[in-house]
């Protein structure tokens, strides 16, 4: 990829990041950057693992828009 393409990709992700809720941002950060599993994040938020999976999935979908 060339430099311009990289910059455009970053801009698109930045726009998507603005559409995320605070919880989606935190869950995505914990999962992808910090390395926590859904079960560990669920325990932190005191919700089910399935709920965390749904939050993360919805967040990723928003990033792709």
Protein backbone atom coordinates (compact mmCIF):
# COMPACT_ATOMS: atom_id res chain seq x y z
CA UNK A 1 0.00 0.00 0.00
CA UNK A 2 1.17 3.52 -0.68
CA UNK A 3 1.25 6.33 1.85
CA UNK A 4 -1.94 8.03 0.62
CA UNK A 5 -3.89 4.78 0.88
CA UNK A 6 -2.68 4.34 4.48
CA UNK A 7 -3.78 7.88 5.36
CA UNK A 8 -7.22 7.35 3.82
CA UNK A 9 -7.65 4.10 5.73
CA UNK A 10 -6.78 5.88 8.99
CA UNK A 11 -9.29 8.65 8.27
CA UNK A 12 -12.06 6.16 7.56
CA UNK A 13 -11.38 4.34 10.80
CA UNK A 14 -11.31 7.62 12.66
CA UNK A 15 -14.80 8.43 11.40
CA UNK A 16 -16.00 4.99 12.45
CA UNK A 17 -14.39 5.41 15.86
CA UNK A 18 -16.51 8.52 16.39
CA UNK A 19 -19.67 6.45 15.94
CA UNK A 20 -18.80 4.04 18.75
CA UNK A 21 -20.34 4.29 22.19
CA UNK A 22 -18.02 4.60 25.17
CA UNK A 23 -18.69 0.98 26.10
CA UNK A 24 -17.98 -0.26 22.56
CA UNK A 25 -14.71 1.66 22.56
CA UNK A 26 -13.70 0.21 25.91
CA UNK A 27 -14.67 -3.37 24.98
CA UNK A 28 -12.82 -3.19 21.66
CA UNK A 29 -9.78 -1.71 23.39
CA UNK A 30 -9.79 -4.37 26.10
CA UNK A 31 -10.25 -7.21 23.61
CA UNK A 32 -7.94 -6.23 20.76
CA UNK A 33 -5.30 -4.06 22.43
CA UNK A 34 -5.16 -5.32 25.99
CA UNK A 35 -5.73 -8.99 25.14
CA UNK A 36 -8.64 -9.70 27.47
CA UNK A 37 -11.13 -12.41 26.58
CA UNK A 38 -14.90 -11.86 26.38
CA UNK A 39 -15.38 -13.77 29.62
CA UNK A 40 -12.93 -11.51 31.49
CA UNK A 41 -14.52 -8.34 30.11
CA UNK A 42 -17.97 -9.67 30.99
CA UNK A 43 -16.87 -10.23 34.59
CA UNK A 44 -15.59 -6.64 34.75
CA UNK A 45 -18.90 -5.20 33.48
CA UNK A 46 -20.97 -7.83 35.33
CA UNK A 47 -22.80 -8.91 32.17
CA UNK A 48 -22.85 -12.11 30.14
CA UNK A 49 -20.09 -13.13 27.73
CA UNK A 50 -22.68 -13.10 24.95
CA UNK A 51 -23.50 -9.47 25.72
CA UNK A 52 -19.83 -8.51 25.40
CA UNK A 53 -19.58 -10.40 22.12
CA UNK A 54 -22.61 -8.49 20.80
CA UNK A 55 -21.18 -5.12 21.92
CA UNK A 56 -17.86 -5.91 20.27
CA UNK A 57 -19.51 -7.15 17.06
CA UNK A 58 -21.72 -4.06 16.83
CA UNK A 59 -18.67 -1.85 17.38
CA UNK A 60 -16.69 -3.57 14.64
CA UNK A 61 -19.67 -3.17 12.29
CA UNK A 62 -19.76 0.58 13.00
CA UNK A 63 -16.04 0.84 12.26
CA UNK A 64 -16.60 -0.74 8.85
CA UNK A 65 -19.31 1.73 7.81
